[in-house]
Amino acid sequence: MAGSDEGAQSGTRGAPMTPGQSRAARGLLGWSEADLAARVGLAEDFVRSVEGGYGDPPAGQVEALRSALVAAGIAFTDSPTQGVRLAERPGADEGTRLDALTTENDR
């Protein structure tokens, strides 16, 4: 799976996504408000409103934003503080580690 909710049990949702988590996740992915909105099929103004903490947006739409971020590789963390990070991707090529460099593989 590309993203996850760290520490969440299978079949359960994590804590609701905070405005700060949404902004931070977009920053990690290099997405604009318009990019996130387009991936979910919502208006850019909706994303701006959610991230600004305005009103009481429908939980299903906020969950759609969160799901798009998780699918793109974001992991939401709740403990010890709420935050986001890029999820580890099993089998991702990390390149050659510094201690493994030789004149043969340093080209």
PDB file of N, CA and C in Angstrom:
ATOM      1  N   MET A   1       0.841  -1.179   0.000  1.00  0.00           N
ATOM      2  CA  MET A   1       0.000   0.000   0.000  1.00  0.00           C
ATOM      3  C   MET A   1       0.885   1.240   0.000  1.00  0.00           C
ATOM      4  N   ALA A   2       0.518   2.253  -0.746  1.00  0.00           N
ATOM      5  CA  ALA A   2       1.356   3.429  -0.922  1.00  0.00           C
ATOM      6  C   ALA A   2       1.447   4.271   0.335  1.00  0.00           C
ATOM      7  N   GLY A   3       0.362   4.493   1.027  1.00  0.00           N
ATOM      8  CA  GLY A   3       0.366   5.320   2.225  1.00  0.00           C
ATOM      9  C   GLY A   3      -0.323   4.587   3.342  1.00  0.00           C
ATOM     10  N   SER A   4      -0.259   5.163   4.530  1.00  0.00           N
ATOM     11  CA  SER A   4      -0.895   4.478   5.641  1.00  0.00           C
ATOM     12  C   SER A   4      -1.228   5.462   6.737  1.00  0.00           C
ATOM     13  N   ASP A   5      -1.998   4.987   7.668  1.00  0.00           N
ATOM     14  CA  ASP A   5      -2.237   5.709   8.902  1.00  0.00           C
ATOM     15  C   ASP A   5      -1.433   4.987   9.952  1.00  0.00           C
ATOM     16  N   GLU A   6      -0.363   5.594  10.374  1.00  0.00           N
ATOM     17  CA  GLU A   6       0.552   4.946  11.299  1.00  0.00           C
ATOM     18  C   GLU A   6      -0.165   4.580  12.585  1.00  0.00           C
ATOM     19  N   GLY A   7      -0.068   3.338  12.949  1.00  0.00           N
ATOM     20  CA  GLY A   7      -0.644   2.877  14.199  1.00  0.00           C
ATOM     21  C   GLY A   7      -2.125   2.556  14.130  1.00  0.00           C
ATOM     22  N   ALA A   8      -2.770   2.782  12.996  1.00  0.00           N
ATOM     23  CA  ALA A   8      -4.197   2.491  12.897  1.00  0.00           C
ATOM     24  C   ALA A   8      -4.404   1.002  12.678  1.00  0.00           C
ATOM     25  N   GLN A   9      -5.441   0.453  13.312  1.00  0.00           N
ATOM     26  CA  GLN A   9      -5.769  -0.943  13.113  1.00  0.00           C
ATOM     27  C   GLN A   9      -6.450  -1.103  11.773  1.00  0.00           C
ATOM     28  N   SER A  10      -6.338  -2.277  11.202  1.00  0.00           N
ATOM     29  CA  SER A  10      -6.972  -2.560   9.923  1.00  0.00           C
ATOM     30  C   SER A  10      -8.472  -2.334  10.036  1.00  0.00           C
ATOM     31  N   GLY A  11      -9.026  -1.620   9.047  1.00  0.00           N
ATOM     32  CA  GLY A  11     -10.462  -1.382   9.032  1.00  0.00           C
ATOM     33  C   GLY A  11     -10.900  -0.188   9.858  1.00  0.00           C
ATOM     34  N   THR A  12      -9.954   0.537  10.463  1.00  0.00           N
ATOM     35  CA  THR A  12     -10.320   1.718  11.231  1.00  0.00           C
ATOM     36  C   THR A  12      -9.693   2.943  10.607  1.00  0.00           C
ATOM     37  N   ARG A  13     -10.309   4.070  10.809  1.00  0.00           N
ATOM     38  CA  ARG A  13      -9.772   5.335  10.323  1.00  0.00           C
ATOM     39  C   ARG A  13      -8.976   5.996  11.431  1.00  0.00           C
ATOM     40  N   GLY A  14      -7.989   6.786  11.013  1.00  0.00           N
ATOM     41  CA  GLY A  14      -7.229   7.559  11.978  1.00  0.00           C
ATOM     42  C   GLY A  14      -8.037   8.770  12.402  1.00  0.00           C
ATOM     43  N   ALA A  15      -7.397   9.655  13.153  1.00  0.00           N
ATOM     44  CA  ALA A  15      -8.047  10.889  13.552  1.00  0.00           C
ATOM     45  C   ALA A  15      -8.346  11.726  12.311  1.00  0.00           C
ATOM     46  N   PRO A  16      -9.351  12.598  12.385  1.00  0.00           N
ATOM     47  CA  PRO A  16      -9.650  13.440  11.231  1.00  0.00           C
ATOM     48  C   PRO A  16      -8.419  14.251  10.824  1.00  0.00           C
ATOM     49  N   MET A  17      -8.278  14.499   9.549  1.00  0.00           N
ATOM     50  CA  MET A  17      -7.149  15.274   9.037  1.00  0.00           C
ATOM     51  C   MET A  17      -7.297  16.728   9.468  1.00  0.00           C
ATOM     52  N   THR A  18      -6.239  17.286  10.016  1.00  0.00           N
ATOM     53  CA  THR A  18      -6.263  18.690  10.418  1.00  0.00           C
ATOM     54  C   THR A  18      -5.885  19.568   9.223  1.00  0.00           C
ATOM     55  N   PRO A  19      -6.241  20.854   9.277  1.00  0.00           N
ATOM     56  CA  PRO A  19      -5.829  21.760   8.203  1.00  0.00           C
ATOM     57  C   PRO A  19      -4.309  21.773   8.014  1.00  0.00           C
ATOM     58  N   GLY A  20      -3.575  21.766   9.104  1.00  0.00           N
ATOM     59  CA  GLY A  20      -2.120  21.776   9.018  1.00  0.00           C
ATOM     60  C   GLY A  20      -1.565  20.514   8.376  1.00  0.00           C
ATOM     61  N   GLN A  21      -2.165  19.375   8.673  1.00  0.00           N
ATOM     62  CA  GLN A  21      -1.727  18.127   8.060  1.00  0.00           C
ATOM     63  C   GLN A  21      -1.949  18.163   6.549  1.00  0.00           C
ATOM     64  N   SER A  22      -3.063  18.713   6.118  1.00  0.00           N
ATOM     65  CA  SER A  22      -3.347  18.802   4.693  1.00  0.00           C
ATOM     66  C   SER A  22      -2.316  19.692   3.997  1.00  0.00           C
ATOM     67  N   ARG A  23      -2.036  20.855   4.573  1.00  0.00           N
ATOM     68  CA  ARG A  23      -1.046  21.761   3.978  1.00  0.00           C
ATOM     69  C   ARG A  23       0.333  21.122   3.935  1.00  0.00           C
ATOM     70  N   ALA A  24       0.722  20.456   5.027  1.00  0.00           N
ATOM     71  CA  ALA A  24       2.038  19.816   5.086  1.00  0.00           C
ATOM     72  C   ALA A  24       2.145  18.672   4.079  1.00  0.00           C
ATOM     73  N   ALA A  25       1.079  17.890   3.953  1.00  0.00           N
ATOM     74  CA  ALA A  25       1.079  16.773   3.004  1.00  0.00           C
ATOM     75  C   ALA A  25       1.229  17.284   1.581  1.00  0.00           C
ATOM     76  N   ARG A  26       0.496  18.341   1.249  1.00  0.00           N
ATOM     77  CA  ARG A  26       0.627  18.914  -0.085  1.00  0.00           C
ATOM     78  C   ARG A  26       2.048  19.412  -0.326  1.00  0.00           C
ATOM     79  N   GLY A  27       2.636  20.003   0.715  1.00  0.00           N
ATOM     80  CA  GLY A  27       4.009  20.488   0.592  1.00  0.00           C
ATOM     81  C   GLY A  27       4.996  19.366   0.327  1.00  0.00           C
ATOM     82  N   LEU A  28       4.827  18.244   1.024  1.00  0.00           N
ATOM     83  CA  LEU A  28       5.713  17.101   0.796  1.00  0.00           C
ATOM     84  C   LEU A  28       5.588  16.558  -0.618  1.00  0.00           C
ATOM     85  N   LEU A  29       4.381  16.620  -1.154  1.00  0.00           N
ATOM     86  CA  LEU A  29       4.145  16.096  -2.506  1.00  0.00           C
ATOM     87  C   LEU A  29       4.412  17.127  -3.602  1.00  0.00           C
ATOM     88  N   GLY A  30       4.554  18.384  -3.202  1.00  0.00           N
ATOM     89  CA  GLY A  30       4.740  19.441  -4.193  1.00  0.00           C
ATOM     90  C   GLY A  30       3.458  19.782  -4.933  1.00  0.00           C
ATOM     91  N   TRP A  31       2.320  19.585  -4.280  1.00  0.00           N
ATOM     92  CA  TRP A  31       1.015  19.836  -4.887  1.00  0.00           C
ATOM     93  C   TRP A  31       0.489  21.202  -4.461  1.00  0.00           C
ATOM     94  N   SER A  32      -0.223  21.842  -5.368  1.00  0.00           N
ATOM     95  CA  SER A  32      -0.937  23.068  -5.035  1.00  0.00           C
ATOM     96  C   SER A  32      -2.343  22.690  -4.544  1.00  0.00           C
ATOM     97  N   GLU A  33      -3.072  23.690  -4.073  1.00  0.00           N
ATOM     98  CA  GLU A  33      -4.462  23.448  -3.684  1.00  0.00           C
ATOM     99  C   GLU A  33      -5.252  22.940  -4.883  1.00  0.00           C
ATOM    100  N   ALA A  34      -4.959  23.503  -6.059  1.00  0.00           N
ATOM    101  CA  ALA A  34      -5.654  23.091  -7.285  1.00  0.00           C
ATOM    102  C   ALA A  34      -5.333  21.641  -7.642  1.00  0.00           C
ATOM    103  N   ASP A  35      -4.080  21.220  -7.433  1.00  0.00           N
ATOM    104  CA  ASP A  35      -3.701  19.831  -7.722  1.00  0.00           C
ATOM    105  C   ASP A  35      -4.511  18.861  -6.871  1.00  0.00           C
ATOM    106  N   LEU A  36      -4.589  19.128  -5.566  1.00  0.00           N
ATOM    107  CA  LEU A  36      -5.333  18.239  -4.673  1.00  0.00           C
ATOM    108  C   LEU A  36      -6.816  18.240  -5.039  1.00  0.00           C
ATOM    109  N   ALA A  37      -7.369  19.408  -5.278  1.00  0.00           N
ATOM    110  CA  ALA A  37      -8.783  19.506  -5.629  1.00  0.00           C
ATOM    111  C   ALA A  37      -9.091  18.718  -6.903  1.00  0.00           C
ATOM    112  N   ALA A  38      -8.221  18.824  -7.892  1.00  0.00           N
ATOM    113  CA  ALA A  38      -8.446  18.128  -9.164  1.00  0.00           C
ATOM    114  C   ALA A  38      -8.408  16.620  -8.994  1.00  0.00           C
ATOM    115  N   ARG A  39      -7.556  16.116  -8.116  1.00  0.00           N
ATOM    116  CA  ARG A  39      -7.451  14.670  -7.913  1.00  0.00           C
ATOM    117  C   ARG A  39      -8.697  14.095  -7.253  1.00  0.00           C
ATOM    118  N   VAL A  40      -9.432  14.932  -6.545  1.00  0.00           N
ATOM    119  CA  VAL A  40     -10.628  14.467  -5.836  1.00  0.00           C
ATOM    120  C   VAL A  40     -11.911  14.894  -6.549  1.00  0.00           C
ATOM    121  N   GLY A  41     -11.807  15.837  -7.460  1.00  0.00           N
ATOM    122  CA  GLY A  41     -12.985  16.318  -8.168  1.00  0.00           C
ATOM    123  C   GLY A  41     -13.770  17.351  -7.384  1.00  0.00           C
ATOM    124  N   LEU A  42     -13.074  18.089  -6.530  1.00  0.00           N
ATOM    125  CA  LEU A  42     -13.715  19.148  -5.754  1.00  0.00           C
ATOM    126  C   LEU A  42     -13.151  20.499  -6.185  1.00  0.00           C
ATOM    127  N   ALA A  43     -13.779  21.562  -5.748  1.00  0.00           N
ATOM    128  CA  ALA A  43     -13.334  22.908  -6.094  1.00  0.00           C
ATOM    129  C   ALA A  43     -12.091  23.293  -5.284  1.00  0.00           C
ATOM    130  N   GLU A  44     -11.232  24.070  -5.919  1.00  0.00           N
ATOM    131  CA  GLU A  44     -10.037  24.572  -5.236  1.00  0.00           C
ATOM    132  C   GLU A  44     -10.419  25.397  -4.004  1.00  0.00           C
ATOM    133  N   ASP A  45     -11.527  26.128  -4.093  1.00  0.00           N
ATOM    134  CA  ASP A  45     -12.003  26.915  -2.953  1.00  0.00           C
ATOM    135  C   ASP A  45     -12.333  26.027  -1.756  1.00  0.00           C
ATOM    136  N   PHE A  46     -12.811  24.811  -2.031  1.00  0.00           N
ATOM    137  CA  PHE A  46     -13.121  23.881  -0.944  1.00  0.00           C
ATOM    138  C   PHE A  46     -11.835  23.501  -0.205  1.00  0.00           C
ATOM    139  N   VAL A  47     -10.784  23.171  -0.952  1.00  0.00           N
ATOM    140  CA  VAL A  47      -9.506  22.815  -0.324  1.00  0.00           C
ATOM    141  C   VAL A  47      -8.986  23.997   0.484  1.00  0.00           C
ATOM    142  N   ARG A  48      -9.068  25.188  -0.082  1.00  0.00           N
ATOM    143  CA  ARG A  48      -8.601  26.391   0.617  1.00  0.00           C
ATOM    144  C   ARG A  48      -9.382  26.604   1.915  1.00  0.00           C
ATOM    145  N   SER A  49     -10.684  26.366   1.861  1.00  0.00           N
ATOM    146  CA  SER A  49     -11.535  26.527   3.043  1.00  0.00           C
ATOM    147  C   SER A  49     -11.186  25.499   4.126  1.00  0.00           C
ATOM    148  N   VAL A  50     -11.006  24.234   3.718  1.00  0.00           N
ATOM    149  CA  VAL A  50     -10.644  23.184   4.673  1.00  0.00           C
ATOM    150  C   VAL A  50      -9.310  23.509   5.331  1.00  0.00           C
ATOM    151  N   GLU A  51      -8.334  23.879   4.515  1.00  0.00           N
ATOM    152  CA  GLU A  51      -6.997  24.152   5.045  1.00  0.00           C
ATOM    153  C   GLU A  51      -6.943  25.443   5.849  1.00  0.00           C
ATOM    154  N   GLY A  52      -7.903  26.325   5.635  1.00  0.00           N
ATOM    155  CA  GLY A  52      -7.980  27.544   6.429  1.00  0.00           C
ATOM    156  C   GLY A  52      -8.740  27.348   7.728  1.00  0.00           C
ATOM    157  N   GLY A  53      -9.375  26.172   7.874  1.00  0.00           N
ATOM    158  CA  GLY A  53     -10.128  25.874   9.083  1.00  0.00           C
ATOM    159  C   GLY A  53     -11.476  26.572   9.145  1.00  0.00           C
ATOM    160  N   TYR A  54     -11.999  26.946   7.977  1.00  0.00           N
ATOM    161  CA  TYR A  54     -13.272  27.664   7.936  1.00  0.00           C
ATOM    162  C   TYR A  54     -14.446  26.704   7.840  1.00  0.00           C
ATOM    163  N   GLY A  55     -15.511  27.021   8.556  1.00  0.00           N
ATOM    164  CA  GLY A  55     -16.754  26.262   8.459  1.00  0.00           C
ATOM    165  C   GLY A  55     -16.631  24.845   8.989  1.00  0.00           C
ATOM    166  N   ASP A  56     -17.628  24.059   8.639  1.00  0.00           N
ATOM    167  CA  ASP A  56     -17.695  22.657   9.048  1.00  0.00           C
ATOM    168  C   ASP A  56     -17.903  21.819   7.790  1.00  0.00           C
ATOM    169  N   PRO A  57     -16.797  21.497   7.088  1.00  0.00           N
ATOM    170  CA  PRO A  57     -16.937  20.771   5.816  1.00  0.00           C
ATOM    171  C   PRO A  57     -17.459  19.356   6.039  1.00  0.00           C
ATOM    172  N   PRO A  58     -18.159  18.815   5.046  1.00  0.00           N
ATOM    173  CA  PRO A  58     -18.664  17.441   5.152  1.00  0.00           C
ATOM    174  C   PRO A  58     -17.509  16.460   5.361  1.00  0.00           C
ATOM    175  N   ALA A  59     -17.671  15.582   6.332  1.00  0.00           N
ATOM    176  CA  ALA A  59     -16.609  14.631   6.673  1.00  0.00           C
ATOM    177  C   ALA A  59     -16.223  13.748   5.484  1.00  0.00           C
ATOM    178  N   GLY A  60     -17.180  13.390   4.652  1.00  0.00           N
ATOM    179  CA  GLY A  60     -16.891  12.545   3.501  1.00  0.00           C
ATOM    180  C   GLY A  60     -15.969  13.222   2.510  1.00  0.00           C
ATOM    181  N   GLN A  61     -16.131  14.522   2.335  1.00  0.00           N
ATOM    182  CA  GLN A  61     -15.277  15.253   1.404  1.00  0.00           C
ATOM    183  C   GLN A  61     -13.873  15.433   1.969  1.00  0.00           C
ATOM    184  N   VAL A  62     -13.773  15.653   3.273  1.00  0.00           N
ATOM    185  CA  VAL A  62     -12.454  15.759   3.908  1.00  0.00           C
ATOM    186  C   VAL A  62     -11.758  14.403   3.835  1.00  0.00           C
ATOM    187  N   GLU A  63     -12.515  13.336   4.031  1.00  0.00           N
ATOM    188  CA  GLU A  63     -11.951  11.984   3.925  1.00  0.00           C
ATOM    189  C   GLU A  63     -11.479  11.707   2.495  1.00  0.00           C
ATOM    190  N   ALA A  64     -12.174  12.244   1.500  1.00  0.00           N
ATOM    191  CA  ALA A  64     -11.739  12.081   0.108  1.00  0.00           C
ATOM    192  C   ALA A  64     -10.396  12.775  -0.114  1.00  0.00           C
ATOM    193  N   LEU A  65     -10.215  13.954   0.462  1.00  0.00           N
ATOM    194  CA  LEU A  65      -8.927  14.654   0.368  1.00  0.00           C
ATOM    195  C   LEU A  65      -7.832  13.818   1.028  1.00  0.00           C
ATOM    196  N   ARG A  66      -8.122  13.337   2.228  1.00  0.00           N
ATOM    197  CA  ARG A  66      -7.154  12.534   2.970  1.00  0.00           C
ATOM    198  C   ARG A  66      -6.789  11.259   2.188  1.00  0.00           C
ATOM    199  N   SER A  67      -7.782  10.614   1.608  1.00  0.00           N
ATOM    200  CA  SER A  67      -7.543   9.389   0.856  1.00  0.00           C
ATOM    201  C   SER A  67      -6.656   9.639  -0.358  1.00  0.00           C
ATOM    202  N   ALA A  68      -6.856  10.771  -1.025  1.00  0.00           N
ATOM    203  CA  ALA A  68      -6.015  11.106  -2.179  1.00  0.00           C
ATOM    204  C   ALA A  68      -4.567  11.309  -1.740  1.00  0.00           C
ATOM    205  N   LEU A  69      -4.374  11.912  -0.586  1.00  0.00           N
ATOM    206  CA  LEU A  69      -3.020  12.134  -0.076  1.00  0.00           C
ATOM    207  C   LEU A  69      -2.362  10.811   0.331  1.00  0.00           C
ATOM    208  N   VAL A  70      -3.126   9.938   0.957  1.00  0.00           N
ATOM    209  CA  VAL A  70      -2.607   8.614   1.337  1.00  0.00           C
ATOM    210  C   VAL A  70      -2.232   7.820   0.095  1.00  0.00           C
ATOM    211  N   ALA A  71      -3.084   7.863  -0.925  1.00  0.00           N
ATOM    212  CA  ALA A  71      -2.807   7.133  -2.163  1.00  0.00           C
ATOM    213  C   ALA A  71      -1.539   7.641  -2.851  1.00  0.00           C
ATOM    214  N   ALA A  72      -1.207   8.910  -2.618  1.00  0.00           N
ATOM    215  CA  ALA A  72      -0.009   9.501  -3.229  1.00  0.00           C
ATOM    216  C   ALA A  72       1.251   9.234  -2.408  1.00  0.00           C
ATOM    217  N   GLY A  73       1.100   8.574  -1.245  1.00  0.00           N
ATOM    218  CA  GLY A  73       2.272   8.213  -0.463  1.00  0.00           C
ATOM    219  C   GLY A  73       2.451   8.955   0.840  1.00  0.00           C
ATOM    220  N   ILE A  74       1.413   9.579   1.335  1.00  0.00           N
ATOM    221  CA  ILE A  74       1.493  10.294   2.611  1.00  0.00           C
ATOM    222  C   ILE A  74       1.030   9.378   3.743  1.00  0.00           C
ATOM    223  N   ALA A  75       1.756   9.399   4.841  1.00  0.00           N
ATOM    224  CA  ALA A  75       1.349   8.692   6.054  1.00  0.00           C
ATOM    225  C   ALA A  75       1.003   9.744   7.102  1.00  0.00           C
ATOM    226  N   PHE A  76      -0.167   9.616   7.691  1.00  0.00           N
ATOM    227  CA  PHE A  76      -0.599  10.514   8.756  1.00  0.00           C
ATOM    228  C   PHE A  76      -0.154   9.937  10.087  1.00  0.00           C
ATOM    229  N   THR A  77       0.411  10.776  10.929  1.00  0.00           N
ATOM    230  CA  THR A  77       0.853  10.343  12.249  1.00  0.00           C
ATOM    231  C   THR A  77       0.042  11.080  13.309  1.00  0.00           C
ATOM    232  N   ASP A  78      -0.284  10.374  14.365  1.00  0.00           N
ATOM    233  CA  ASP A  78      -1.067  10.965  15.445  1.00  0.00           C
ATOM    234  C   ASP A  78      -0.351  10.930  16.787  1.00  0.00           C
ATOM    235  N   SER A  79       0.723  10.181  16.875  1.00  0.00           N
ATOM    236  CA  SER A  79       1.384  10.021  18.161  1.00  0.00           C
ATOM    237  C   SER A  79       2.876  10.208  17.995  1.00  0.00           C
ATOM    238  N   PRO A  80       3.541  10.968  18.783  1.00  0.00           N
ATOM    239  CA  PRO A  80       3.034  11.723  19.925  1.00  0.00           C
ATOM    240  C   PRO A  80       2.320  13.011  19.529  1.00  0.00           C
ATOM    241  N   THR A  81       2.527  13.490  18.299  1.00  0.00           N
ATOM    242  CA  THR A  81       1.800  14.663  17.831  1.00  0.00           C
ATOM    243  C   THR A  81       1.267  14.378  16.431  1.00  0.00           C
ATOM    244  N   GLN A  82       0.261  15.150  16.031  1.00  0.00           N
ATOM    245  CA  GLN A  82      -0.289  14.976  14.698  1.00  0.00           C
ATOM    246  C   GLN A  82       0.682  15.551  13.680  1.00  0.00           C
ATOM    247  N   GLY A  83       0.869  14.817  12.597  1.00  0.00           N
ATOM    248  CA  GLY A  83       1.757  15.275  11.536  1.00  0.00           C
ATOM    249  C   GLY A  83       1.598  14.407  10.307  1.00  0.00           C
ATOM    250  N   VAL A  84       2.505  14.578   9.368  1.00  0.00           N
ATOM    251  CA  VAL A  84       2.536  13.776   8.154  1.00  0.00           C
ATOM    252  C   VAL A  84       3.982  13.489   7.805  1.00  0.00           C
ATOM    253  N   ARG A  85       4.156  12.439   7.025  1.00  0.00           N
ATOM    254  CA  ARG A  85       5.474  12.106   6.494  1.00  0.00           C
ATOM    255  C   ARG A  85       5.251  11.316   5.224  1.00  0.00           C
ATOM    256  N   LEU A  86       6.320  11.187   4.437  1.00  0.00           N
ATOM    257  CA  LEU A  86       6.223  10.323   3.267  1.00  0.00           C
ATOM    258  C   LEU A  86       6.278   8.885   3.748  1.00  0.00           C
ATOM    259  N   ALA A  87       5.400   8.064   3.246  1.00  0.00           N
ATOM    260  CA  ALA A  87       5.361   6.659   3.631  1.00  0.00           C
ATOM    261  C   ALA A  87       6.557   5.942   3.022  1.00  0.00           C
ATOM    262  N   GLU A  88       7.028   4.943   3.734  1.00  0.00           N
ATOM    263  CA  GLU A  88       8.090   4.104   3.199  1.00  0.00           C
ATOM    264  C   GLU A  88       7.496   3.252   2.094  1.00  0.00           C
ATOM    265  N   ARG A  89       8.224   3.139   1.016  1.00  0.00           N
ATOM    266  CA  ARG A  89       7.750   2.343  -0.114  1.00  0.00           C
ATOM    267  C   ARG A  89       8.636   1.114  -0.228  1.00  0.00           C
ATOM    268  N   PRO A  90       8.078  -0.047   0.106  1.00  0.00           N
ATOM    269  CA  PRO A  90       8.867  -1.275   0.022  1.00  0.00           C
ATOM    270  C   PRO A  90       9.414  -1.477  -1.388  1.00  0.00           C
ATOM    271  N   GLY A  91      10.673  -1.826  -1.454  1.00  0.00           N
ATOM    272  CA  GLY A  91      11.296  -2.106  -2.734  1.00  0.00           C
ATOM    273  C   GLY A  91      11.726  -0.871  -3.506  1.00  0.00           C
ATOM    274  N   ALA A  92      11.564   0.297  -2.918  1.00  0.00           N
ATOM    275  CA  ALA A  92      11.989   1.507  -3.615  1.00  0.00           C
ATOM    276  C   ALA A  92      13.508   1.527  -3.722  1.00  0.00           C
ATOM    277  N   ASP A  93      14.005   1.955  -4.857  1.00  0.00           N
ATOM    278  CA  ASP A  93      15.439   2.002  -5.077  1.00  0.00           C
ATOM    279  C   ASP A  93      16.022   3.184  -4.319  1.00  0.00           C
ATOM    280  N   GLU A  94      16.858   2.890  -3.341  1.00  0.00           N
ATOM    281  CA  GLU A  94      17.481   3.942  -2.549  1.00  0.00           C
ATOM    282  C   GLU A  94      18.802   4.397  -3.149  1.00  0.00           C
ATOM    283  N   GLY A  95      19.221   3.766  -4.231  1.00  0.00           N
ATOM    284  CA  GLY A  95      20.517   4.110  -4.805  1.00  0.00           C
ATOM    285  C   GLY A  95      21.626   3.393  -4.058  1.00  0.00           C
ATOM    286  N   THR A  96      22.829   3.883  -4.211  1.00  0.00           N
ATOM    287  CA  THR A  96      23.973   3.275  -3.547  1.00  0.00           C
ATOM    288  C   THR A  96      24.288   4.064  -2.282  1.00  0.00           C
ATOM    289  N   ARG A  97      24.385   3.376  -1.187  1.00  0.00           N
ATOM    290  CA  ARG A  97      24.703   4.033   0.080  1.00  0.00           C
ATOM    291  C   ARG A  97      26.157   4.484   0.069  1.00  0.00           C
ATOM    292  N   LEU A  98      26.430   5.558   0.783  1.00  0.00           N
ATOM    293  CA  LEU A  98      27.747   6.159   0.810  1.00  0.00           C
ATOM    294  C   LEU A  98      28.835   5.158   1.176  1.00  0.00           C
ATOM    295  N   ASP A  99      28.592   4.318   2.179  1.00  0.00           N
ATOM    296  CA  ASP A  99      29.618   3.367   2.613  1.00  0.00           C
ATOM    297  C   ASP A  99      29.823   2.225   1.616  1.00  0.00           C
ATOM    298  N   ALA A 100      28.952   2.145   0.600  1.00  0.00           N
ATOM    299  CA  ALA A 100      29.085   1.087  -0.402  1.00  0.00           C
ATOM    300  C   ALA A 100      29.675   1.601  -1.722  1.00  0.00           C
ATOM    301  N   LEU A 101      30.004   2.883  -1.782  1.00  0.00           N
ATOM    302  CA  LEU A 101      30.555   3.436  -3.022  1.00  0.00           C
ATOM    303  C   LEU A 101      31.951   2.889  -3.290  1.00  0.00           C
ATOM    304  N   THR A 102      32.177   2.555  -4.526  1.00  0.00           N
ATOM    305  CA  THR A 102      33.506   2.130  -4.987  1.00  0.00           C
ATOM    306  C   THR A 102      33.804   2.868  -6.269  1.00  0.00           C
ATOM    307  N   THR A 103      34.999   2.730  -6.779  1.00  0.00           N
ATOM    308  CA  THR A 103      35.314   3.374  -8.051  1.00  0.00           C
ATOM    309  C   THR A 103      34.510   2.763  -9.177  1.00  0.00           C
ATOM    310  N   GLU A 104      34.040   1.534  -9.010  1.00  0.00           N
ATOM    311  CA  GLU A 104      33.258   0.867 -10.044  1.00  0.00           C
ATOM    312  C   GLU A 104      31.810   1.360 -10.088  1.00  0.00           C
ATOM    313  N   ASN A 105      31.192   1.596  -8.933  1.00  0.00           N
ATOM    314  CA  ASN A 105      29.782   1.999  -8.948  1.00  0.00           C
ATOM    315  C   ASN A 105      29.603   3.520  -8.785  1.00  0.00           C
ATOM    316  N   ASP A 106      30.690   4.255  -8.792  1.00  0.00           N
ATOM    317  CA  ASP A 106      30.640   5.708  -8.641  1.00  0.00           C
ATOM    318  C   ASP A 106      30.678   6.381 -10.009  1.00  0.00           C
ATOM    319  N   ARG A 107      30.004   5.820 -10.963  1.00  0.00           N
ATOM    320  CA  ARG A 107      30.020   6.381 -12.326  1.00  0.00           C
ATOM    321  C   ARG A 107      28.635   6.691 -12.786  1.00  0.00           C
TER     322      ARG A 107
END
